[in-house]
């Protein structure tokens, strides 16, 4: 693991930019690494894992048959206790709509759905339904663990105006800022996002484990290449 291969306290000068080269700097704070796309490469690898899970869930939703909710009045005889009813299916942000679409800022530059709002902003992922007039924005960050909370708040703030514009146009807008930290730790924000989409708990655990392993493997490559040239990936 990256954590065990290098002390976070001991450091020397960064071989790329000449600044103090501790582990935090190498994995998340070097401007040269940022400019060369090292952090973007790691981010996109994790994002691809999340995209695969979201697309699978959306495809399942779009091919499902909507269920009608029937309200019944339970009758209980005098002196008897009411029987416990079976727990209903989870309520998810996808609701009953079956026309969900997904766009992701990976292989092609994301264009935000113009029917929701006209903007130059590009969240990492957009999931939307014309039928339900709902749109979900997902924004991923791969920060140093101690900076995860600040990154979360910064990303939510970044899309406040876009959220307000979409809502003023009659859409329900949800924004999920999620963090998979560079040393292989996922903030609870990722679990909450996947749960809200209606993904099962077992599948959520698998997805989070895979995302964390990807982030850690990528960070290891970034660490090993800290004094080397970086080829486009």
C-alpha atoms as a PDB file:
ATOM      1  CA  UNK A   1       0.000   0.000   0.000  1.00  0.00           C
ATOM      2  CA  UNK A   2       1.095   3.561  -0.674  1.00  0.00           C
ATOM      3  CA  UNK A   3       0.614   4.446   2.990  1.00  0.00           C
ATOM      4  CA  UNK A   4       3.127   1.857   4.162  1.00  0.00           C
ATOM      5  CA  UNK A   5       5.810   2.539   1.562  1.00  0.00           C
ATOM      6  CA  UNK A   6       6.575   6.126   2.482  1.00  0.00           C
ATOM      7  CA  UNK A   7       6.370   8.102   5.694  1.00  0.00           C
ATOM      8  CA  UNK A   8       4.019  11.046   5.503  1.00  0.00           C
ATOM      9  CA  UNK A   9       6.401  13.061   7.644  1.00  0.00           C
ATOM     10  CA  UNK A  10       9.842  12.450   6.119  1.00  0.00           C
ATOM     11  CA  UNK A  11      10.366  14.153   2.797  1.00  0.00           C
ATOM     12  CA  UNK A  12      12.838  15.665   0.380  1.00  0.00           C
ATOM     13  CA  UNK A  13      12.419  18.112  -2.452  1.00  0.00           C
ATOM     14  CA  UNK A  14       9.960  17.123  -5.174  1.00  0.00           C
ATOM     15  CA  UNK A  15      11.809  15.892  -8.257  1.00  0.00           C
ATOM     16  CA  UNK A  16       9.262  17.584 -10.516  1.00  0.00           C
ATOM     17  CA  UNK A  17       8.666  21.041  -9.072  1.00  0.00           C
ATOM     18  CA  UNK A  18      11.357  21.423  -6.386  1.00  0.00           C
ATOM     19  CA  UNK A  19       8.923  22.037  -3.552  1.00  0.00           C
ATOM     20  CA  UNK A  20       8.765  20.033  -0.338  1.00  0.00           C
ATOM     21  CA  UNK A  21       8.102  16.527  -1.604  1.00  0.00           C
ATOM     22  CA  UNK A  22       6.219  14.741   1.176  1.00  0.00           C
ATOM     23  CA  UNK A  23       3.601  12.111   0.373  1.00  0.00           C
ATOM     24  CA  UNK A  24       0.708  14.576   0.425  1.00  0.00           C
ATOM     25  CA  UNK A  25       2.495  16.747  -2.133  1.00  0.00           C
ATOM     26  CA  UNK A  26       3.426  13.841  -4.406  1.00  0.00           C
ATOM     27  CA  UNK A  27      -0.042  12.289  -4.444  1.00  0.00           C
ATOM     28  CA  UNK A  28      -2.245  15.372  -4.524  1.00  0.00           C
ATOM     29  CA  UNK A  29      -0.398  18.691  -4.397  1.00  0.00           C
ATOM     30  CA  UNK A  30       2.301  18.894  -7.070  1.00  0.00           C
ATOM     31  CA  UNK A  31       1.443  21.500  -9.745  1.00  0.00           C
ATOM     32  CA  UNK A  32       3.663  19.702 -12.290  1.00  0.00           C
ATOM     33  CA  UNK A  33       1.848  16.407 -11.703  1.00  0.00           C
ATOM     34  CA  UNK A  34      -1.457  18.203 -12.043  1.00  0.00           C
ATOM     35  CA  UNK A  35      -0.414  19.847 -15.296  1.00  0.00           C
ATOM     36  CA  UNK A  36       0.893  16.563 -16.715  1.00  0.00           C
ATOM     37  CA  UNK A  37      -2.439  14.861 -16.053  1.00  0.00           C
ATOM     38  CA  UNK A  38      -1.267  12.392 -13.388  1.00  0.00           C
ATOM     39  CA  UNK A  39      -4.085  13.246 -10.989  1.00  0.00           C
ATOM     40  CA  UNK A  40      -6.636  13.419 -13.820  1.00  0.00           C
ATOM     41  CA  UNK A  41      -5.614   9.914 -14.902  1.00  0.00           C
ATOM     42  CA  UNK A  42      -6.289   8.569 -11.401  1.00  0.00           C
ATOM     43  CA  UNK A  43      -9.553  10.517 -11.150  1.00  0.00           C
ATOM     44  CA  UNK A  44     -10.794   9.159 -14.470  1.00  0.00           C
ATOM     45  CA  UNK A  45      -9.955   5.567 -13.558  1.00  0.00           C
ATOM     46  CA  UNK A  46     -12.085   5.856 -10.420  1.00  0.00           C
ATOM     47  CA  UNK A  47     -14.812   7.705 -12.304  1.00  0.00           C
ATOM     48  CA  UNK A  48     -15.016   4.897 -14.866  1.00  0.00           C
ATOM     49  CA  UNK A  49     -15.726   2.436 -12.058  1.00  0.00           C
ATOM     50  CA  UNK A  50     -18.553   4.617 -10.738  1.00  0.00           C
ATOM     51  CA  UNK A  51     -19.909   5.177 -14.253  1.00  0.00           C
ATOM     52  CA  UNK A  52     -20.110   1.427 -14.884  1.00  0.00           C
ATOM     53  CA  UNK A  53     -22.139   0.975 -11.701  1.00  0.00           C
ATOM     54  CA  UNK A  54     -24.471   3.902 -12.475  1.00  0.00           C
ATOM     55  CA  UNK A  55     -25.077   2.759 -16.052  1.00  0.00           C
ATOM     56  CA  UNK A  56     -25.916  -0.739 -14.831  1.00  0.00           C
ATOM     57  CA  UNK A  57     -28.413   0.673 -12.326  1.00  0.00           C
ATOM     58  CA  UNK A  58     -29.982   3.017 -14.887  1.00  0.00           C
ATOM     59  CA  UNK A  59     -30.330   0.232 -17.457  1.00  0.00           C
ATOM     60  CA  UNK A  60     -32.085  -1.885 -14.832  1.00  0.00           C
ATOM     61  CA  UNK A  61     -34.402   1.009 -13.996  1.00  0.00           C
ATOM     62  CA  UNK A  62     -35.225   1.713 -17.635  1.00  0.00           C
ATOM     63  CA  UNK A  63     -36.173  -1.908 -18.343  1.00  0.00           C
ATOM     64  CA  UNK A  64     -38.229  -2.384 -15.188  1.00  0.00           C
ATOM     65  CA  UNK A  65     -42.020  -2.318 -15.122  1.00  0.00           C
ATOM     66  CA  UNK A  66     -43.416   0.568 -13.029  1.00  0.00           C
ATOM     67  CA  UNK A  67     -45.248  -0.627  -9.954  1.00  0.00           C
ATOM     68  CA  UNK A  68     -48.464   0.912  -8.801  1.00  0.00           C
ATOM     69  CA  UNK A  69     -48.717   1.788  -5.155  1.00  0.00           C
ATOM     70  CA  UNK A  70     -52.043   0.627  -3.728  1.00  0.00           C
ATOM     71  CA  UNK A  71     -53.067   2.008  -0.365  1.00  0.00           C
ATOM     72  CA  UNK A  72     -55.108  -0.433   1.716  1.00  0.00           C
ATOM     73  CA  UNK A  73     -56.769  -0.080   5.081  1.00  0.00           C
ATOM     74  CA  UNK A  74     -55.840  -2.920   7.434  1.00  0.00           C
ATOM     75  CA  UNK A  75     -58.776  -4.172   9.513  1.00  0.00           C
ATOM     76  CA  UNK A  76     -57.943  -5.499  12.974  1.00  0.00           C
ATOM     77  CA  UNK A  77     -60.372  -7.471  15.111  1.00  0.00           C
ATOM     78  CA  UNK A  78     -61.111  -6.249  18.589  1.00  0.00           C
ATOM     79  CA  UNK A  79     -58.439  -7.391  21.036  1.00  0.00           C
ATOM     80  CA  UNK A  80     -55.943  -8.389  18.348  1.00  0.00           C
ATOM     81  CA  UNK A  81     -52.651  -6.684  17.584  1.00  0.00           C
ATOM     82  CA  UNK A  82     -52.100  -5.462  14.040  1.00  0.00           C
ATOM     83  CA  UNK A  83     -49.837  -7.704  11.980  1.00  0.00           C
ATOM     84  CA  UNK A  84     -46.548  -6.331  10.760  1.00  0.00           C
ATOM     85  CA  UNK A  85     -46.574  -5.674   7.061  1.00  0.00           C
ATOM     86  CA  UNK A  86     -43.709  -6.527   4.773  1.00  0.00           C
ATOM     87  CA  UNK A  87     -41.229  -3.754   4.194  1.00  0.00           C
ATOM     88  CA  UNK A  88     -41.803  -2.026   0.887  1.00  0.00           C
ATOM     89  CA  UNK A  89     -39.200  -1.400  -1.761  1.00  0.00           C
ATOM     90  CA  UNK A  90     -36.707   1.396  -1.206  1.00  0.00           C
ATOM     91  CA  UNK A  91     -37.526   4.848  -2.448  1.00  0.00           C
ATOM     92  CA  UNK A  92     -34.775   6.039  -4.785  1.00  0.00           C
ATOM     93  CA  UNK A  93     -34.034   9.265  -6.596  1.00  0.00           C
ATOM     94  CA  UNK A  94     -34.826   7.472  -9.859  1.00  0.00           C
ATOM     95  CA  UNK A  95     -38.459   7.118  -8.792  1.00  0.00           C
ATOM     96  CA  UNK A  96     -40.798   5.460 -11.317  1.00  0.00           C
ATOM     97  CA  UNK A  97     -39.304   6.989 -14.482  1.00  0.00           C
ATOM     98  CA  UNK A  98     -37.919   4.628 -17.127  1.00  0.00           C
ATOM     99  CA  UNK A  99     -36.276   7.053 -19.558  1.00  0.00           C
ATOM    100  CA  UNK A 100     -33.086   7.869 -17.655  1.00  0.00           C
ATOM    101  CA  UNK A 101     -29.999   8.932 -19.609  1.00  0.00           C
ATOM    102  CA  UNK A 102     -26.378   9.141 -18.497  1.00  0.00           C
ATOM    103  CA  UNK A 103     -23.612  11.431 -19.687  1.00  0.00           C
ATOM    104  CA  UNK A 104     -20.081  11.352 -18.328  1.00  0.00           C
ATOM    105  CA  UNK A 105     -17.125  13.687 -18.848  1.00  0.00           C
ATOM    106  CA  UNK A 106     -14.703  10.926 -19.827  1.00  0.00           C
ATOM    107  CA  UNK A 107     -14.111   9.894 -23.445  1.00  0.00           C
ATOM    108  CA  UNK A 108     -15.981  12.879 -24.849  1.00  0.00           C
ATOM    109  CA  UNK A 109     -16.493  16.309 -23.333  1.00  0.00           C
ATOM    110  CA  UNK A 110     -19.739  16.390 -21.420  1.00  0.00           C
ATOM    111  CA  UNK A 111     -22.460  18.710 -22.702  1.00  0.00           C
ATOM    112  CA  UNK A 112     -24.994  19.548 -20.026  1.00  0.00           C
ATOM    113  CA  UNK A 113     -28.632  18.853 -21.067  1.00  0.00           C
ATOM    114  CA  UNK A 114     -29.868  22.152 -22.494  1.00  0.00           C
ATOM    115  CA  UNK A 115     -33.454  21.430 -21.483  1.00  0.00           C
ATOM    116  CA  UNK A 116     -32.338  21.613 -17.857  1.00  0.00           C
ATOM    117  CA  UNK A 117     -30.043  24.628 -18.116  1.00  0.00           C
ATOM    118  CA  UNK A 118     -27.674  26.306 -20.555  1.00  0.00           C
ATOM    119  CA  UNK A 119     -24.238  26.264 -18.934  1.00  0.00           C
ATOM    120  CA  UNK A 120     -20.554  25.748 -19.633  1.00  0.00           C
ATOM    121  CA  UNK A 121     -20.137  23.802 -16.414  1.00  0.00           C
ATOM    122  CA  UNK A 122     -19.266  20.116 -16.773  1.00  0.00           C
ATOM    123  CA  UNK A 123     -20.002  17.884 -13.802  1.00  0.00           C
ATOM    124  CA  UNK A 124     -18.275  14.515 -13.965  1.00  0.00           C
ATOM    125  CA  UNK A 125     -21.600  12.777 -14.552  1.00  0.00           C
ATOM    126  CA  UNK A 126     -25.184  13.782 -15.299  1.00  0.00           C
ATOM    127  CA  UNK A 127     -28.163  11.426 -14.988  1.00  0.00           C
ATOM    128  CA  UNK A 128     -31.524  12.800 -16.056  1.00  0.00           C
ATOM    129  CA  UNK A 129     -35.111  11.907 -16.903  1.00  0.00           C
ATOM    130  CA  UNK A 130     -37.372  14.031 -19.085  1.00  0.00           C
ATOM    131  CA  UNK A 131     -40.372  12.013 -17.941  1.00  0.00           C
ATOM    132  CA  UNK A 132     -39.795  12.778 -14.279  1.00  0.00           C
ATOM    133  CA  UNK A 133     -38.071  16.149 -14.889  1.00  0.00           C
ATOM    134  CA  UNK A 134     -35.261  15.078 -12.580  1.00  0.00           C
ATOM    135  CA  UNK A 135     -31.527  15.548 -12.985  1.00  0.00           C
ATOM    136  CA  UNK A 136     -28.704  14.185 -10.843  1.00  0.00           C
ATOM    137  CA  UNK A 137     -25.212  15.673 -10.871  1.00  0.00           C
ATOM    138  CA  UNK A 138     -22.297  13.544  -9.652  1.00  0.00           C
ATOM    139  CA  UNK A 139     -18.905  15.157  -9.037  1.00  0.00           C
ATOM    140  CA  UNK A 140     -15.884  13.083  -8.000  1.00  0.00           C
ATOM    141  CA  UNK A 141     -12.764  14.276  -6.192  1.00  0.00           C
ATOM    142  CA  UNK A 142      -9.693  12.201  -5.244  1.00  0.00           C
ATOM    143  CA  UNK A 143      -8.142  14.363  -2.510  1.00  0.00           C
ATOM    144  CA  UNK A 144      -5.718  13.819   0.326  1.00  0.00           C
ATOM    145  CA  UNK A 145      -7.795  12.344   3.163  1.00  0.00           C
ATOM    146  CA  UNK A 146      -7.492  15.338   5.472  1.00  0.00           C
ATOM    147  CA  UNK A 147      -8.792  17.586   2.667  1.00  0.00           C
ATOM    148  CA  UNK A 148     -11.845  15.465   1.814  1.00  0.00           C
ATOM    149  CA  UNK A 149     -14.372  17.504   3.799  1.00  0.00           C
ATOM    150  CA  UNK A 150     -13.160  20.783   2.303  1.00  0.00           C
ATOM    151  CA  UNK A 151     -13.273  19.276  -1.194  1.00  0.00           C
ATOM    152  CA  UNK A 152     -16.830  18.066  -0.579  1.00  0.00           C
ATOM    153  CA  UNK A 153     -18.079  21.514   0.447  1.00  0.00           C
ATOM    154  CA  UNK A 154     -16.214  23.206  -2.399  1.00  0.00           C
ATOM    155  CA  UNK A 155     -17.823  20.980  -5.021  1.00  0.00           C
ATOM    156  CA  UNK A 156     -21.324  21.458  -3.604  1.00  0.00           C
ATOM    157  CA  UNK A 157     -20.808  25.219  -3.661  1.00  0.00           C
ATOM    158  CA  UNK A 158     -19.514  25.046  -7.242  1.00  0.00           C
ATOM    159  CA  UNK A 159     -22.863  23.776  -8.527  1.00  0.00           C
ATOM    160  CA  UNK A 160     -25.220  25.827  -6.349  1.00  0.00           C
ATOM    161  CA  UNK A 161     -26.073  28.277  -9.143  1.00  0.00           C
ATOM    162  CA  UNK A 162     -26.566  25.512 -11.706  1.00  0.00           C
ATOM    163  CA  UNK A 163     -28.857  23.696  -9.280  1.00  0.00           C
ATOM    164  CA  UNK A 164     -30.886  26.865  -8.734  1.00  0.00           C
ATOM    165  CA  UNK A 165     -31.170  27.480 -12.491  1.00  0.00           C
ATOM    166  CA  UNK A 166     -32.389  23.942 -13.131  1.00  0.00           C
ATOM    167  CA  UNK A 167     -34.958  24.214 -10.365  1.00  0.00           C
ATOM    168  CA  UNK A 168     -36.199  27.548 -11.721  1.00  0.00           C
ATOM    169  CA  UNK A 169     -36.746  25.767 -15.044  1.00  0.00           C
ATOM    170  CA  UNK A 170     -39.015  23.244 -13.340  1.00  0.00           C
ATOM    171  CA  UNK A 171     -36.539  20.397 -12.734  1.00  0.00           C
ATOM    172  CA  UNK A 172     -35.773  18.560  -9.527  1.00  0.00           C
ATOM    173  CA  UNK A 173     -31.996  18.736  -9.147  1.00  0.00           C
ATOM    174  CA  UNK A 174     -29.817  16.555  -6.918  1.00  0.00           C
ATOM    175  CA  UNK A 175     -26.094  17.180  -6.479  1.00  0.00           C
ATOM    176  CA  UNK A 176     -23.796  14.452  -5.149  1.00  0.00           C
ATOM    177  CA  UNK A 177     -20.203  15.404  -4.397  1.00  0.00           C
ATOM    178  CA  UNK A 178     -18.289  12.176  -3.739  1.00  0.00           C
ATOM    179  CA  UNK A 179     -14.721  11.595  -2.588  1.00  0.00           C
ATOM    180  CA  UNK A 180     -12.451   8.602  -3.113  1.00  0.00           C
ATOM    181  CA  UNK A 181      -9.239   9.686  -1.464  1.00  0.00           C
ATOM    182  CA  UNK A 182      -5.861   9.144  -3.060  1.00  0.00           C
ATOM    183  CA  UNK A 183      -4.663   6.561  -0.506  1.00  0.00           C
ATOM    184  CA  UNK A 184      -7.670   4.294  -0.965  1.00  0.00           C
ATOM    185  CA  UNK A 185     -10.295   5.613   1.452  1.00  0.00           C
ATOM    186  CA  UNK A 186     -13.833   6.462   0.324  1.00  0.00           C
ATOM    187  CA  UNK A 187     -15.820   9.101   2.152  1.00  0.00           C
ATOM    188  CA  UNK A 188     -19.373   8.186   3.160  1.00  0.00           C
ATOM    189  CA  UNK A 189     -20.561  10.536   0.417  1.00  0.00           C
ATOM    190  CA  UNK A 190     -19.981   7.798  -2.175  1.00  0.00           C
ATOM    191  CA  UNK A 191     -22.070   5.267  -0.258  1.00  0.00           C
ATOM    192  CA  UNK A 192     -24.890   7.792   0.139  1.00  0.00           C
ATOM    193  CA  UNK A 193     -24.877   8.555  -3.585  1.00  0.00           C
ATOM    194  CA  UNK A 194     -25.008   4.897  -4.614  1.00  0.00           C
ATOM    195  CA  UNK A 195     -27.676   4.144  -2.024  1.00  0.00           C
ATOM    196  CA  UNK A 196     -29.830   7.042  -3.241  1.00  0.00           C
ATOM    197  CA  UNK A 197     -29.674   5.592  -6.753  1.00  0.00           C
ATOM    198  CA  UNK A 198     -31.141   2.341  -5.434  1.00  0.00           C
ATOM    199  CA  UNK A 199     -28.042   0.149  -5.658  1.00  0.00           C
ATOM    200  CA  UNK A 200     -28.073  -2.782  -3.227  1.00  0.00           C
ATOM    201  CA  UNK A 201     -25.914  -2.726  -0.096  1.00  0.00           C
ATOM    202  CA  UNK A 202     -23.848  -5.704  -1.246  1.00  0.00           C
ATOM    203  CA  UNK A 203     -23.201  -4.070  -4.594  1.00  0.00           C
ATOM    204  CA  UNK A 204     -22.347  -0.786  -2.902  1.00  0.00           C
ATOM    205  CA  UNK A 205     -19.695  -2.507  -0.797  1.00  0.00           C
ATOM    206  CA  UNK A 206     -18.217  -4.109  -3.905  1.00  0.00           C
ATOM    207  CA  UNK A 207     -18.164  -0.831  -5.839  1.00  0.00           C
ATOM    208  CA  UNK A 208     -16.549   1.086  -2.982  1.00  0.00           C
ATOM    209  CA  UNK A 209     -13.885  -1.589  -2.538  1.00  0.00           C
ATOM    210  CA  UNK A 210     -13.103  -1.510  -6.252  1.00  0.00           C
ATOM    211  CA  UNK A 211     -12.927   2.302  -6.334  1.00  0.00           C
ATOM    212  CA  UNK A 212     -10.572   2.360  -3.352  1.00  0.00           C
ATOM    213  CA  UNK A 213      -8.310  -0.281  -4.868  1.00  0.00           C
ATOM    214  CA  UNK A 214      -8.166   1.619  -8.163  1.00  0.00           C
ATOM    215  CA  UNK A 215      -7.297   4.881  -6.400  1.00  0.00           C
ATOM    216  CA  UNK A 216      -4.566   3.187  -4.383  1.00  0.00           C
ATOM    217  CA  UNK A 217      -3.041   1.417  -7.393  1.00  0.00           C
ATOM    218  CA  UNK A 218      -3.003   4.646  -9.393  1.00  0.00           C
ATOM    219  CA  UNK A 219      -1.430   6.530  -6.498  1.00  0.00           C
ATOM    220  CA  UNK A 220       1.265   3.880  -6.300  1.00  0.00           C
ATOM    221  CA  UNK A 221       2.093   4.509  -9.956  1.00  0.00           C
ATOM    222  CA  UNK A 222       2.166   8.253  -9.333  1.00  0.00           C
ATOM    223  CA  UNK A 223       4.482   7.704  -6.376  1.00  0.00           C
ATOM    224  CA  UNK A 224       6.822   5.366  -8.264  1.00  0.00           C
ATOM    225  CA  UNK A 225       6.989   7.874 -11.144  1.00  0.00           C
ATOM    226  CA  UNK A 226       7.547  10.902  -8.896  1.00  0.00           C
ATOM    227  CA  UNK A 227      10.979  11.618 -10.444  1.00  0.00           C
ATOM    228  CA  UNK A 228      10.199  10.333 -13.931  1.00  0.00           C
ATOM    229  CA  UNK A 229       8.595  11.655 -17.084  1.00  0.00           C
ATOM    230  CA  UNK A 230       4.890  10.889 -17.398  1.00  0.00           C
ATOM    231  CA  UNK A 231       3.552   9.475 -20.636  1.00  0.00           C
ATOM    232  CA  UNK A 232      -0.017  10.281 -21.595  1.00  0.00           C
ATOM    233  CA  UNK A 233      -2.374   7.488 -20.484  1.00  0.00           C
END
